[in-house]
Amino acid sequence: MNMDTRMLLFLISMALVLMAGFCLWMSNVITAIHLRKTLTKDTVVAQFCHGEYFDLAGLLKVYRISPRPHQAEIGVHSYKACLGPRDNVKLMMHQANDVYYLDAVQDYLDKNWQFTGWFDTYDGHDDRGKREFIVVGSANGDEAIAKRQLPSFRLSRHAIEGLFEAIRVSAE
């Protein structure tokens, strides 16, 4: 084989690789669009919970929101961080026995630049006792802030529904 034939075969193989990559990328985009249109509070648990794990990063990816938290604050036994393109979803957690528990999700800012949310509803459902799902993240708050990730935290089914609503509203 001469050099021209090898170069032609190389270019053809690279074109095929690029075409396959483009097809996979388009498949992911179409799947995300379909999920955005069909996902509801009732189906989010079935779609994104695998055993006791909740795939928050996958849900954020569907709504094209970066999983990197902003304005993260760590207290003695608390963690707060914002998500979303305009920092309009705020997660608040408390720490007990080296594990974070989701206390509240506050969504969007009102006209006075205050967060509003479903903390009272969450409190009213008394979801503090049964937190059967965990979001996998950094080992602790300090590591989470250093790596610009969320820490691992536990949450309930009701919290997943509230988080889904806040993310959905944030992405609109």
N, C-alpha and C. Protein backbone atom coordinates (compact mmCIF):
# COMPACT_ATOMS: atom_id res chain seq x y z
N MET A 1 0.84 -1.19 0.00
CA MET A 1 0.00 0.00 0.00
C MET A 1 0.88 1.24 0.00
N ASN A 2 0.45 2.17 -0.78
CA ASN A 2 1.22 3.41 -0.78
C ASN A 2 0.68 4.38 0.26
N MET A 3 1.32 5.48 0.44
CA MET A 3 0.99 6.45 1.47
C MET A 3 -0.39 7.07 1.25
N ASP A 4 -0.77 7.31 0.00
CA ASP A 4 -2.07 7.92 -0.28
C ASP A 4 -3.22 7.00 0.14
N THR A 5 -3.09 5.70 -0.08
CA THR A 5 -4.13 4.75 0.30
C THR A 5 -4.26 4.68 1.82
N ARG A 6 -3.14 4.67 2.51
CA ARG A 6 -3.18 4.65 3.97
C ARG A 6 -3.83 5.90 4.53
N MET A 7 -3.48 7.02 3.96
CA MET A 7 -4.06 8.29 4.42
C MET A 7 -5.57 8.30 4.16
N LEU A 8 -6.00 7.78 3.03
CA LEU A 8 -7.42 7.73 2.71
C LEU A 8 -8.16 6.81 3.68
N LEU A 9 -7.59 5.67 3.98
CA LEU A 9 -8.21 4.75 4.95
C LEU A 9 -8.27 5.37 6.35
N PHE A 10 -7.21 6.08 6.72
CA PHE A 10 -7.20 6.76 7.99
C PHE A 10 -8.31 7.82 8.07
N LEU A 11 -8.45 8.61 7.03
CA LEU A 11 -9.49 9.64 7.01
C LEU A 11 -10.89 9.04 7.04
N ILE A 12 -11.08 7.93 6.34
CA ILE A 12 -12.39 7.26 6.35
C ILE A 12 -12.70 6.73 7.74
N SER A 13 -11.70 6.12 8.40
CA SER A 13 -11.94 5.59 9.74
C SER A 13 -12.22 6.72 10.74
N MET A 14 -11.52 7.82 10.63
CA MET A 14 -11.77 8.97 11.51
C MET A 14 -13.17 9.55 11.26
N ALA A 15 -13.59 9.59 10.02
CA ALA A 15 -14.93 10.09 9.70
C ALA A 15 -15.99 9.18 10.30
N LEU A 16 -15.76 7.87 10.27
CA LEU A 16 -16.71 6.93 10.86
C LEU A 16 -16.77 7.09 12.38
N VAL A 17 -15.62 7.30 13.01
CA VAL A 17 -15.58 7.52 14.45
C VAL A 17 -16.32 8.80 14.82
N LEU A 18 -16.10 9.86 14.07
CA LEU A 18 -16.80 11.12 14.32
C LEU A 18 -18.31 10.96 14.12
N MET A 19 -18.70 10.23 13.10
CA MET A 19 -20.13 10.01 12.84
C MET A 19 -20.76 9.19 13.97
N ALA A 20 -20.07 8.19 14.46
CA ALA A 20 -20.59 7.39 15.57
C ALA A 20 -20.70 8.26 16.83
N GLY A 21 -19.71 9.09 17.10
CA GLY A 21 -19.77 10.00 18.25
C GLY A 21 -20.93 10.98 18.14
N PHE A 22 -21.14 11.51 16.95
CA PHE A 22 -22.25 12.43 16.73
C PHE A 22 -23.59 11.73 16.95
N CYS A 23 -23.72 10.49 16.49
CA CYS A 23 -24.96 9.72 16.68
C CYS A 23 -25.22 9.47 18.17
N LEU A 24 -24.19 9.13 18.93
CA LEU A 24 -24.35 8.92 20.37
C LEU A 24 -24.73 10.21 21.07
N TRP A 25 -24.11 11.33 20.69
CA TRP A 25 -24.43 12.61 21.28
C TRP A 25 -25.88 12.99 20.98
N MET A 26 -26.32 12.81 19.75
CA MET A 26 -27.71 13.12 19.38
C MET A 26 -28.69 12.22 20.12
N SER A 27 -28.33 10.98 20.32
CA SER A 27 -29.18 10.06 21.08
C SER A 27 -29.36 10.56 22.51
N ASN A 28 -28.27 11.01 23.14
CA ASN A 28 -28.36 11.57 24.50
C ASN A 28 -29.21 12.82 24.54
N VAL A 29 -29.07 13.69 23.56
CA VAL A 29 -29.85 14.93 23.51
C VAL A 29 -31.33 14.61 23.35
N ILE A 30 -31.66 13.69 22.46
CA ILE A 30 -33.06 13.33 22.22
C ILE A 30 -33.66 12.66 23.46
N THR A 31 -32.90 11.80 24.11
CA THR A 31 -33.38 11.16 25.33
C THR A 31 -33.64 12.18 26.43
N ALA A 32 -32.74 13.16 26.58
CA ALA A 32 -32.91 14.20 27.60
C ALA A 32 -34.14 15.05 27.30
N ILE A 33 -34.36 15.39 26.05
CA ILE A 33 -35.54 16.18 25.67
C ILE A 33 -36.81 15.40 25.97
N HIS A 34 -36.80 14.12 25.63
CA HIS A 34 -37.97 13.28 25.88
C HIS A 34 -38.24 13.17 27.39
N LEU A 35 -37.19 12.97 28.18
CA LEU A 35 -37.35 12.89 29.63
C LEU A 35 -37.88 14.19 30.20
N ARG A 36 -37.35 15.34 29.72
CA ARG A 36 -37.83 16.64 30.22
C ARG A 36 -39.33 16.80 29.98
N LYS A 37 -39.80 16.31 28.84
CA LYS A 37 -41.23 16.47 28.51
C LYS A 37 -42.12 15.50 29.27
N THR A 38 -41.62 14.31 29.60
CA THR A 38 -42.48 13.27 30.18
C THR A 38 -42.30 13.08 31.68
N LEU A 39 -41.27 13.65 32.27
CA LEU A 39 -40.98 13.43 33.68
C LEU A 39 -41.98 14.18 34.55
N THR A 40 -42.51 13.48 35.55
CA THR A 40 -43.45 14.07 36.51
C THR A 40 -42.99 13.73 37.92
N LYS A 41 -43.68 14.33 38.90
CA LYS A 41 -43.36 14.03 40.31
C LYS A 41 -43.55 12.55 40.61
N ASP A 42 -44.50 11.92 39.91
CA ASP A 42 -44.77 10.50 40.15
C ASP A 42 -43.71 9.59 39.54
N THR A 43 -43.14 10.00 38.41
CA THR A 43 -42.19 9.13 37.71
C THR A 43 -40.73 9.40 38.03
N VAL A 44 -40.43 10.52 38.68
CA VAL A 44 -39.03 10.86 38.93
C VAL A 44 -38.37 9.83 39.85
N VAL A 45 -39.10 9.31 40.82
CA VAL A 45 -38.52 8.31 41.72
C VAL A 45 -38.21 7.03 40.96
N ALA A 46 -39.13 6.60 40.10
CA ALA A 46 -38.91 5.38 39.32
C ALA A 46 -37.75 5.53 38.34
N GLN A 47 -37.60 6.72 37.76
CA GLN A 47 -36.57 6.93 36.74
C GLN A 47 -35.17 7.10 37.33
N PHE A 48 -35.07 7.78 38.49
CA PHE A 48 -33.76 8.17 38.99
C PHE A 48 -33.35 7.52 40.30
N CYS A 49 -34.17 6.64 40.86
CA CYS A 49 -33.78 5.92 42.08
C CYS A 49 -33.41 4.50 41.71
N HIS A 50 -32.23 4.10 42.13
CA HIS A 50 -31.74 2.75 41.88
C HIS A 50 -31.42 2.16 43.25
N GLY A 51 -32.35 1.35 43.76
CA GLY A 51 -32.20 0.84 45.11
C GLY A 51 -32.37 1.98 46.09
N GLU A 52 -31.37 2.20 46.92
CA GLU A 52 -31.46 3.31 47.88
C GLU A 52 -30.74 4.56 47.39
N TYR A 53 -30.24 4.56 46.14
CA TYR A 53 -29.48 5.68 45.61
C TYR A 53 -30.34 6.52 44.67
N PHE A 54 -30.26 7.84 44.83
CA PHE A 54 -30.95 8.78 43.95
C PHE A 54 -29.90 9.47 43.09
N ASP A 55 -30.10 9.43 41.78
CA ASP A 55 -29.16 9.98 40.81
C ASP A 55 -29.46 11.46 40.57
N LEU A 56 -29.03 12.31 41.50
CA LEU A 56 -29.25 13.75 41.36
C LEU A 56 -28.48 14.31 40.18
N ALA A 57 -27.26 13.84 39.97
CA ALA A 57 -26.46 14.32 38.85
C ALA A 57 -27.16 14.03 37.52
N GLY A 58 -27.79 12.85 37.41
CA GLY A 58 -28.53 12.51 36.18
C GLY A 58 -29.72 13.41 35.97
N LEU A 59 -30.44 13.72 37.05
CA LEU A 59 -31.60 14.62 36.95
C LEU A 59 -31.15 16.02 36.54
N LEU A 60 -30.07 16.50 37.13
CA LEU A 60 -29.54 17.81 36.76
C LEU A 60 -29.08 17.83 35.30
N LYS A 61 -28.51 16.73 34.85
CA LYS A 61 -28.04 16.63 33.47
C LYS A 61 -29.21 16.71 32.49
N VAL A 62 -30.34 16.09 32.83
CA VAL A 62 -31.52 16.13 31.98
C VAL A 62 -32.00 17.57 31.81
N TYR A 63 -31.91 18.35 32.87
CA TYR A 63 -32.36 19.74 32.81
C TYR A 63 -31.24 20.73 32.50
N ARG A 64 -30.10 20.22 32.07
CA ARG A 64 -28.95 21.02 31.65
C ARG A 64 -28.50 21.98 32.74
N ILE A 65 -28.44 21.49 33.98
CA ILE A 65 -27.98 22.27 35.11
C ILE A 65 -26.68 21.65 35.61
N SER A 66 -25.70 22.48 35.85
CA SER A 66 -24.42 21.99 36.34
C SER A 66 -24.57 21.42 37.74
N PRO A 67 -23.97 20.27 38.01
CA PRO A 67 -24.04 19.69 39.36
C PRO A 67 -23.10 20.37 40.35
N ARG A 68 -22.33 21.36 39.89
CA ARG A 68 -21.41 22.06 40.79
C ARG A 68 -22.18 23.10 41.60
N PRO A 69 -22.10 23.01 42.91
CA PRO A 69 -22.82 23.99 43.75
C PRO A 69 -22.12 25.35 43.75
N HIS A 70 -22.89 26.39 44.00
CA HIS A 70 -22.38 27.75 44.11
C HIS A 70 -22.71 28.27 45.50
N GLN A 71 -21.98 29.26 45.95
CA GLN A 71 -22.23 29.91 47.23
C GLN A 71 -22.36 28.89 48.37
N ALA A 72 -21.49 27.90 48.36
CA ALA A 72 -21.55 26.85 49.40
C ALA A 72 -21.06 27.41 50.73
N GLU A 73 -21.80 27.08 51.77
CA GLU A 73 -21.43 27.49 53.13
C GLU A 73 -21.49 26.25 54.01
N ILE A 74 -20.46 26.09 54.83
CA ILE A 74 -20.46 24.96 55.75
C ILE A 74 -20.39 25.51 57.17
N GLY A 75 -21.33 25.05 58.00
CA GLY A 75 -21.35 25.45 59.40
C GLY A 75 -20.85 24.31 60.26
N VAL A 76 -21.05 24.43 61.55
CA VAL A 76 -20.60 23.38 62.47
C VAL A 76 -21.30 22.07 62.16
N HIS A 77 -22.61 22.13 61.96
CA HIS A 77 -23.37 20.93 61.61
C HIS A 77 -24.36 21.22 60.48
N SER A 78 -23.98 22.08 59.55
CA SER A 78 -24.90 22.42 58.47
C SER A 78 -24.14 22.63 57.17
N TYR A 79 -24.88 22.55 56.09
CA TYR A 79 -24.33 22.78 54.76
C TYR A 79 -25.40 23.44 53.92
N LYS A 80 -25.05 24.50 53.21
CA LYS A 80 -25.97 25.20 52.32
C LYS A 80 -25.25 25.43 51.00
N ALA A 81 -25.97 25.26 49.90
CA ALA A 81 -25.39 25.52 48.59
C ALA A 81 -26.50 25.81 47.60
N CYS A 82 -26.14 26.52 46.54
CA CYS A 82 -27.10 26.84 45.48
C CYS A 82 -26.73 26.08 44.22
N LEU A 83 -27.76 25.74 43.46
CA LEU A 83 -27.60 25.08 42.17
C LEU A 83 -28.36 25.89 41.12
N GLY A 84 -28.05 25.65 39.88
CA GLY A 84 -28.80 26.27 38.80
C GLY A 84 -28.03 27.39 38.15
N PRO A 85 -28.47 27.77 36.96
CA PRO A 85 -27.73 28.79 36.21
C PRO A 85 -27.74 30.16 36.89
N ARG A 86 -28.77 30.45 37.65
CA ARG A 86 -28.88 31.73 38.34
C ARG A 86 -28.91 31.51 39.85
N ASP A 87 -28.33 30.41 40.31
CA ASP A 87 -28.31 30.06 41.73
C ASP A 87 -29.71 30.09 42.33
N ASN A 88 -30.70 29.55 41.59
CA ASN A 88 -32.08 29.68 42.06
C ASN A 88 -32.65 28.41 42.66
N VAL A 89 -31.82 27.46 43.02
CA VAL A 89 -32.24 26.32 43.82
C VAL A 89 -31.25 26.23 44.98
N LYS A 90 -31.75 26.32 46.19
CA LYS A 90 -30.88 26.30 47.36
C LYS A 90 -31.17 25.05 48.19
N LEU A 91 -30.13 24.29 48.49
CA LEU A 91 -30.24 23.10 49.32
C LEU A 91 -29.72 23.42 50.70
N MET A 92 -30.47 23.01 51.72
CA MET A 92 -30.03 23.21 53.10
C MET A 92 -30.05 21.86 53.80
N MET A 93 -28.94 21.53 54.48
CA MET A 93 -28.80 20.22 55.11
C MET A 93 -28.29 20.39 56.54
N HIS A 94 -28.54 19.39 57.35
CA HIS A 94 -27.92 19.35 58.68
C HIS A 94 -27.13 18.04 58.78
N GLN A 95 -26.12 18.05 59.62
CA GLN A 95 -25.24 16.89 59.77
C GLN A 95 -25.51 16.21 61.10
N ALA A 96 -25.65 14.90 61.05
CA ALA A 96 -25.80 14.09 62.25
C ALA A 96 -25.04 12.79 62.03
N ASN A 97 -24.11 12.48 62.93
CA ASN A 97 -23.32 11.24 62.83
C ASN A 97 -22.60 11.12 61.50
N ASP A 98 -21.94 12.17 61.08
CA ASP A 98 -21.16 12.19 59.84
C ASP A 98 -21.99 11.99 58.58
N VAL A 99 -23.29 12.18 58.65
CA VAL A 99 -24.16 12.06 57.48
C VAL A 99 -24.98 13.33 57.37
N TYR A 100 -25.08 13.87 56.15
CA TYR A 100 -25.94 15.03 55.92
C TYR A 100 -27.35 14.57 55.58
N TYR A 101 -28.34 15.32 56.07
CA TYR A 101 -29.75 15.06 55.80
C TYR A 101 -30.34 16.32 55.17
N LEU A 102 -31.05 16.15 54.07
CA LEU A 102 -31.66 17.30 53.41
C LEU A 102 -32.81 17.83 54.25
N ASP A 103 -32.73 19.10 54.61
CA ASP A 103 -33.77 19.74 55.41
C ASP A 103 -34.74 20.53 54.54
N ALA A 104 -34.22 21.23 53.56
CA ALA A 104 -35.08 22.09 52.77
C ALA A 104 -34.50 22.32 51.38
N VAL A 105 -35.38 22.49 50.44
CA VAL A 105 -35.03 22.95 49.11
C VAL A 105 -35.81 24.23 48.92
N GLN A 106 -35.10 25.30 48.64
CA GLN A 106 -35.77 26.56 48.37
C GLN A 106 -35.56 26.86 46.91
N ASP A 107 -36.64 27.22 46.25
CA ASP A 107 -36.54 27.49 44.83
C ASP A 107 -36.80 28.96 44.53
N TYR A 108 -36.29 29.40 43.45
CA TYR A 108 -36.38 30.74 42.87
C TYR A 108 -36.42 31.87 43.90
N LEU A 109 -36.01 33.03 43.41
CA LEU A 109 -36.00 34.23 44.25
C LEU A 109 -37.25 35.04 43.94
N ASP A 110 -37.89 35.59 44.96
CA ASP A 110 -39.06 36.43 44.72
C ASP A 110 -38.61 37.86 44.40
N LYS A 111 -39.56 38.79 44.30
CA LYS A 111 -39.23 40.16 43.91
C LYS A 111 -38.33 40.87 44.92
N ASN A 112 -38.31 40.39 46.16
CA ASN A 112 -37.44 40.97 47.19
C ASN A 112 -36.11 40.23 47.31
N TRP A 113 -35.79 39.39 46.35
CA TRP A 113 -34.58 38.60 46.33
C TRP A 113 -34.49 37.68 47.53
N GLN A 114 -35.62 37.12 47.91
CA GLN A 114 -35.67 36.15 48.99
C GLN A 114 -36.01 34.78 48.40
N PHE A 115 -35.41 33.74 48.94
CA PHE A 115 -35.76 32.39 48.51
C PHE A 115 -37.12 32.02 49.10
N THR A 116 -37.90 31.31 48.33
CA THR A 116 -39.14 30.72 48.83
C THR A 116 -39.01 29.22 48.60
N GLY A 117 -39.89 28.44 49.17
CA GLY A 117 -39.73 27.01 48.95
C GLY A 117 -40.72 26.19 49.71
N TRP A 118 -40.39 24.94 49.91
CA TRP A 118 -41.33 23.98 50.50
C TRP A 118 -40.89 23.49 51.86
N PHE A 119 -40.13 24.29 52.58
CA PHE A 119 -39.66 23.86 53.89
C PHE A 119 -40.83 23.56 54.84
N ASP A 120 -41.84 24.44 54.86
CA ASP A 120 -42.99 24.23 55.75
C ASP A 120 -43.75 22.97 55.37
N THR A 121 -43.92 22.75 54.08
CA THR A 121 -44.60 21.54 53.61
C THR A 121 -43.80 20.30 54.00
N TYR A 122 -42.50 20.36 53.83
CA TYR A 122 -41.60 19.26 54.17
C TYR A 122 -41.67 18.97 55.66
N ASP A 123 -41.65 20.04 56.45
CA ASP A 123 -41.77 19.91 57.89
C ASP A 123 -43.14 19.33 58.27
N GLY A 124 -44.18 19.78 57.56
CA GLY A 124 -45.53 19.31 57.84
C GLY A 124 -45.73 17.84 57.54
N HIS A 125 -45.01 17.32 56.56
CA HIS A 125 -45.10 15.90 56.23
C HIS A 125 -44.27 15.04 57.19
N ASP A 126 -43.51 15.71 58.05
CA ASP A 126 -42.67 15.03 59.04
C ASP A 126 -41.74 14.02 58.36
N ASP A 127 -41.07 14.48 57.32
CA ASP A 127 -40.16 13.63 56.56
C ASP A 127 -38.81 13.45 57.24
N ARG A 128 -38.65 13.95 58.40
CA ARG A 128 -37.35 13.87 59.06
C ARG A 128 -37.01 12.46 59.52
N GLY A 129 -38.00 11.59 59.65
CA GLY A 129 -37.74 10.26 60.16
C GLY A 129 -37.37 9.25 59.10
N LYS A 130 -37.99 9.30 57.95
CA LYS A 130 -37.79 8.26 56.93
C LYS A 130 -37.10 8.84 55.69
N ARG A 131 -35.80 8.70 55.69
CA ARG A 131 -35.03 9.20 54.55
C ARG A 131 -34.37 7.99 53.90
N GLU A 132 -35.12 7.37 53.00
CA GLU A 132 -34.68 6.08 52.47
C GLU A 132 -33.72 6.16 51.30
N PHE A 133 -33.45 7.35 50.77
CA PHE A 133 -32.57 7.47 49.61
C PHE A 133 -31.33 8.28 49.97
N ILE A 134 -30.25 8.04 49.23
CA ILE A 134 -29.01 8.78 49.45
C ILE A 134 -28.49 9.27 48.11
N VAL A 135 -27.99 10.50 48.11
CA VAL A 135 -27.31 11.07 46.95
C VAL A 135 -25.82 10.94 47.21
N VAL A 136 -25.12 10.31 46.31
CA VAL A 136 -23.69 10.07 46.52
C VAL A 136 -22.92 11.32 46.12
N GLY A 137 -22.05 11.76 47.01
CA GLY A 137 -21.21 12.93 46.74
C GLY A 137 -19.92 12.82 47.52
N SER A 138 -19.38 13.95 47.90
CA SER A 138 -18.14 13.97 48.67
C SER A 138 -18.36 13.40 50.07
N ALA A 139 -17.27 13.01 50.71
CA ALA A 139 -17.35 12.35 52.02
C ALA A 139 -17.83 13.30 53.11
N ASN A 140 -17.43 14.58 53.04
CA ASN A 140 -17.85 15.53 54.07
C ASN A 140 -17.93 16.92 53.46
N GLY A 141 -18.39 17.87 54.26
CA GLY A 141 -18.60 19.23 53.76
C GLY A 141 -17.33 19.91 53.31
N ASP A 142 -16.23 19.73 54.05
CA ASP A 142 -14.96 20.36 53.66
C ASP A 142 -14.47 19.84 52.32
N GLU A 143 -14.56 18.53 52.14
CA GLU A 143 -14.15 17.93 50.86
C GLU A 143 -15.08 18.41 49.73
N ALA A 144 -16.37 18.52 50.02
CA ALA A 144 -17.33 18.98 49.02
C ALA A 144 -17.00 20.39 48.55
N ILE A 145 -16.67 21.27 49.49
CA ILE A 145 -16.34 22.65 49.11
C ILE A 145 -15.01 22.68 48.35
N ALA A 146 -14.04 21.89 48.77
CA ALA A 146 -12.75 21.85 48.08
C ALA A 146 -12.89 21.34 46.65
N LYS A 147 -13.72 20.34 46.46
CA LYS A 147 -13.88 19.74 45.13
C LYS A 147 -15.02 20.38 44.33
N ARG A 148 -15.72 21.35 44.93
CA ARG A 148 -16.89 21.99 44.31
C ARG A 148 -17.93 20.95 43.90
N GLN A 149 -18.24 20.06 44.86
CA GLN A 149 -19.27 19.04 44.70
C GLN A 149 -20.22 19.13 45.88
N LEU A 150 -21.36 18.46 45.75
CA LEU A 150 -22.25 18.32 46.89
C LEU A 150 -21.74 17.19 47.78
N PRO A 151 -21.99 17.27 49.07
CA PRO A 151 -21.65 16.13 49.93
C PRO A 151 -22.71 15.04 49.76
N SER A 152 -22.40 13.84 50.20
CA SER A 152 -23.42 12.78 50.23
C SER A 152 -24.49 13.20 51.21
N PHE A 153 -25.75 12.99 50.85
CA PHE A 153 -26.82 13.31 51.78
C PHE A 153 -28.00 12.39 51.58
N ARG A 154 -28.78 12.24 52.66
CA ARG A 154 -29.97 11.39 52.66
C ARG A 154 -31.20 12.25 52.45
N LEU A 155 -32.19 11.69 51.77
CA LEU A 155 -33.43 12.41 51.54
C LEU A 155 -34.60 11.44 51.39
N SER A 156 -35.79 11.95 51.52
CA SER A 156 -37.00 11.14 51.46
C SER A 156 -37.62 11.20 50.07
N ARG A 157 -38.62 10.40 49.84
CA ARG A 157 -39.36 10.41 48.59
C ARG A 157 -40.00 11.78 48.37
N HIS A 158 -40.55 12.36 49.43
CA HIS A 158 -41.17 13.67 49.34
C HIS A 158 -40.12 14.73 48.99
N ALA A 159 -38.92 14.59 49.53
CA ALA A 159 -37.85 15.52 49.23
C ALA A 159 -37.43 15.42 47.76
N ILE A 160 -37.43 14.22 47.22
CA ILE A 160 -37.10 14.04 45.80
C ILE A 160 -38.12 14.75 44.93
N GLU A 161 -39.39 14.64 45.29
CA GLU A 161 -40.44 15.32 44.52
C GLU A 161 -40.27 16.84 44.60
N GLY A 162 -39.96 17.36 45.80
CA GLY A 162 -39.74 18.79 45.95
C GLY A 162 -38.51 19.26 45.20
N LEU A 163 -37.46 18.48 45.25
CA LEU A 163 -36.23 18.80 44.53
C LEU A 163 -36.48 18.80 43.03
N PHE A 164 -37.23 17.81 42.54
CA PHE A 164 -37.57 17.75 41.13
C PHE A 164 -38.34 19.00 40.69
N GLU A 165 -39.33 19.40 41.48
CA GLU A 165 -40.13 20.59 41.14
C GLU A 165 -39.25 21.83 41.09
N ALA A 166 -38.35 21.98 42.07
CA ALA A 166 -37.46 23.14 42.11
C ALA A 166 -36.53 23.16 40.90
N ILE A 167 -35.99 22.01 40.53
CA ILE A 167 -35.10 21.93 39.38
C ILE A 167 -35.87 22.21 38.09
N ARG A 168 -37.08 21.65 37.98
CA ARG A 168 -37.90 21.88 36.79
C ARG A 168 -38.22 23.36 36.62
N VAL A 169 -38.62 24.01 37.71
CA VAL A 169 -38.95 25.44 37.65
C VAL A 169 -37.69 26.25 37.34
N SER A 170 -36.56 25.86 37.90
CA SER A 170 -35.31 26.56 37.68
C SER A 170 -34.87 26.50 36.22
N ALA A 171 -35.15 25.40 35.57
CA ALA A 171 -34.69 25.21 34.19
C ALA A 171 -35.58 25.93 33.18
N GLU A 172 -36.73 26.38 33.59
CA GLU A 172 -37.64 27.04 32.64
C GLU A 172 -37.20 28.44 32.31
